[in-house]
Amino acid sequence: AVPCAEPHEGEVYATFDLPEGDYPGGTAIVDQAEAECDERLSAVAPDAYADPSVGLFYLAPLEASWPDDREVVCIAISMSGTTRGSILD
């Protein structure tokens, strides 16, 4: 992690936990992570959401860490490489 003033390629903009219960499988996790991260980016930074130079990436839990880790981390990435300042501005 680095401050936005330093060169970086991505910025965490949201985190959330997947629902409790049995491990839902890789496909279900991908579907939930993509949908929720997409929705949160459009709510937090609509201009960045519409900007084709901003991509979406996320970190999601693996079966081996379930149920102790159900957290998804949503990251906006600069498709044009390293940047300074907030990608979401």
C-alpha atoms as a PDB file:
ATOM      1  CA  ALA A   1       0.000   0.000   0.000  1.00  0.00           C
ATOM      2  CA  VAL A   2       1.205   3.484  -0.870  1.00  0.00           C
ATOM      3  CA  PRO A   3      -0.315   6.961  -0.532  1.00  0.00           C
ATOM      4  CA  CYS A   4      -2.157   8.228  -3.623  1.00  0.00           C
ATOM      5  CA  ALA A   5       0.546  10.900  -4.070  1.00  0.00           C
ATOM      6  CA  GLU A   6       3.088   8.168  -4.844  1.00  0.00           C
ATOM      7  CA  PRO A   7       3.110   6.222  -8.138  1.00  0.00           C
ATOM      8  CA  HIS A   8       0.618   3.352  -8.136  1.00  0.00           C
ATOM      9  CA  GLU A   9      -1.495   1.278 -10.507  1.00  0.00           C
ATOM     10  CA  GLY A  10      -4.496   0.503  -8.314  1.00  0.00           C
ATOM     11  CA  GLU A  11      -6.680   1.921  -5.560  1.00  0.00           C
ATOM     12  CA  VAL A  12      -8.865   0.061  -3.082  1.00  0.00           C
ATOM     13  CA  TYR A  13     -12.325   1.617  -3.140  1.00  0.00           C
ATOM     14  CA  ALA A  14     -14.460  -0.940  -1.291  1.00  0.00           C
ATOM     15  CA  THR A  15     -14.407  -4.092   0.803  1.00  0.00           C
ATOM     16  CA  PHE A  16     -17.245  -6.384   1.764  1.00  0.00           C
ATOM     17  CA  ASP A  17     -17.857  -9.869   3.145  1.00  0.00           C
ATOM     18  CA  LEU A  18     -19.576 -12.582   1.176  1.00  0.00           C
ATOM     19  CA  PRO A  19     -22.550 -14.216   2.933  1.00  0.00           C
ATOM     20  CA  GLU A  20     -21.953 -16.806   5.632  1.00  0.00           C
ATOM     21  CA  GLY A  21     -22.537 -20.457   4.867  1.00  0.00           C
ATOM     22  CA  ASP A  22     -20.801 -23.195   2.929  1.00  0.00           C
ATOM     23  CA  TYR A  23     -18.204 -22.274   0.326  1.00  0.00           C
ATOM     24  CA  PRO A  24     -20.316 -21.306  -2.709  1.00  0.00           C
ATOM     25  CA  GLY A  25     -17.742 -22.335  -5.334  1.00  0.00           C
ATOM     26  CA  GLY A  26     -15.381 -20.343  -7.502  1.00  0.00           C
ATOM     27  CA  THR A  27     -17.933 -19.355 -10.134  1.00  0.00           C
ATOM     28  CA  ALA A  28     -20.393 -18.033  -7.549  1.00  0.00           C
ATOM     29  CA  ILE A  29     -17.657 -16.047  -5.829  1.00  0.00           C
ATOM     30  CA  VAL A  30     -16.533 -14.517  -9.143  1.00  0.00           C
ATOM     31  CA  ASP A  31     -20.123 -13.604 -10.021  1.00  0.00           C
ATOM     32  CA  GLN A  32     -20.782 -12.021  -6.608  1.00  0.00           C
ATOM     33  CA  ALA A  33     -17.443 -10.179  -6.468  1.00  0.00           C
ATOM     34  CA  GLU A  34     -17.750  -8.770  -9.986  1.00  0.00           C
ATOM     35  CA  ALA A  35     -21.356  -7.656  -9.526  1.00  0.00           C
ATOM     36  CA  GLU A  36     -20.808  -6.047  -6.119  1.00  0.00           C
ATOM     37  CA  CYS A  37     -17.498  -4.360  -7.039  1.00  0.00           C
ATOM     38  CA  ASP A  38     -19.072  -3.052 -10.254  1.00  0.00           C
ATOM     39  CA  GLU A  39     -22.076  -1.672  -8.367  1.00  0.00           C
ATOM     40  CA  ARG A  40     -19.920  -0.073  -5.681  1.00  0.00           C
ATOM     41  CA  LEU A  41     -17.607   1.620  -8.216  1.00  0.00           C
ATOM     42  CA  SER A  42     -20.585   3.101 -10.057  1.00  0.00           C
ATOM     43  CA  ALA A  43     -21.935   4.441  -6.736  1.00  0.00           C
ATOM     44  CA  VAL A  44     -18.633   5.748  -5.340  1.00  0.00           C
ATOM     45  CA  ALA A  45     -17.118   7.177  -8.519  1.00  0.00           C
ATOM     46  CA  PRO A  46     -19.534   7.360 -11.481  1.00  0.00           C
ATOM     47  CA  ASP A  47     -17.026   9.236 -13.654  1.00  0.00           C
ATOM     48  CA  ALA A  48     -14.331   6.612 -13.049  1.00  0.00           C
ATOM     49  CA  TYR A  49     -16.901   3.878 -13.679  1.00  0.00           C
ATOM     50  CA  ALA A  50     -17.620   5.351 -17.132  1.00  0.00           C
ATOM     51  CA  ASP A  51     -13.918   5.963 -17.905  1.00  0.00           C
ATOM     52  CA  PRO A  52     -12.462   3.242 -20.173  1.00  0.00           C
ATOM     53  CA  SER A  53      -8.983   3.908 -18.748  1.00  0.00           C
ATOM     54  CA  VAL A  54     -10.174   2.665 -15.340  1.00  0.00           C
ATOM     55  CA  GLY A  55     -10.403  -1.081 -14.901  1.00  0.00           C
ATOM     56  CA  LEU A  56     -11.812  -3.244 -12.158  1.00  0.00           C
ATOM     57  CA  PHE A  57      -9.882  -5.858 -10.191  1.00  0.00           C
ATOM     58  CA  TYR A  58     -10.720  -7.658  -6.973  1.00  0.00           C
ATOM     59  CA  LEU A  59      -9.242 -10.042  -4.441  1.00  0.00           C
ATOM     60  CA  ALA A  60     -11.587 -12.772  -3.279  1.00  0.00           C
ATOM     61  CA  PRO A  61     -11.360 -15.598  -0.750  1.00  0.00           C
ATOM     62  CA  LEU A  62     -10.220 -19.063  -1.735  1.00  0.00           C
ATOM     63  CA  GLU A  63     -11.849 -22.290  -0.619  1.00  0.00           C
ATOM     64  CA  ALA A  64      -8.836 -23.057   1.605  1.00  0.00           C
ATOM     65  CA  SER A  65      -9.448 -19.920   3.697  1.00  0.00           C
ATOM     66  CA  TRP A  66     -13.245 -20.216   3.847  1.00  0.00           C
ATOM     67  CA  PRO A  67     -15.156 -19.546   6.206  1.00  0.00           C
ATOM     68  CA  ASP A  68     -12.502 -17.594   8.150  1.00  0.00           C
ATOM     69  CA  ASP A  69     -11.979 -15.262   5.191  1.00  0.00           C
ATOM     70  CA  ARG A  70     -15.058 -14.128   3.266  1.00  0.00           C
ATOM     71  CA  GLU A  71     -13.757 -10.646   2.387  1.00  0.00           C
ATOM     72  CA  VAL A  72     -13.665  -9.249  -1.140  1.00  0.00           C
ATOM     73  CA  VAL A  73     -11.405  -6.253  -1.822  1.00  0.00           C
ATOM     74  CA  CYS A  74     -12.424  -4.090  -4.807  1.00  0.00           C
ATOM     75  CA  ILE A  75      -9.606  -2.287  -6.617  1.00  0.00           C
ATOM     76  CA  ALA A  76      -9.814   0.325  -9.375  1.00  0.00           C
ATOM     77  CA  ILE A  77      -6.815   0.020 -11.683  1.00  0.00           C
ATOM     78  CA  SER A  78      -5.264   2.420 -14.138  1.00  0.00           C
ATOM     79  CA  MET A  79      -5.311   0.747 -17.552  1.00  0.00           C
ATOM     80  CA  SER A  80      -2.706   3.269 -18.755  1.00  0.00           C
ATOM     81  CA  GLY A  81      -0.078   2.239 -16.204  1.00  0.00           C
ATOM     82  CA  THR A  82       1.300   3.983 -13.160  1.00  0.00           C
ATOM     83  CA  THR A  83      -0.447   7.137 -11.966  1.00  0.00           C
ATOM     84  CA  ARG A  84      -0.301   9.651  -9.116  1.00  0.00           C
ATOM     85  CA  GLY A  85      -3.349  10.907  -7.270  1.00  0.00           C
ATOM     86  CA  SER A  86      -6.665   9.144  -6.989  1.00  0.00           C
ATOM     87  CA  ILE A  87      -7.748   6.975  -9.898  1.00  0.00           C
ATOM     88  CA  LEU A  88     -11.315   7.692  -8.826  1.00  0.00           C
ATOM     89  CA  ASP A  89     -11.171  11.465  -9.385  1.00  0.00           C
END
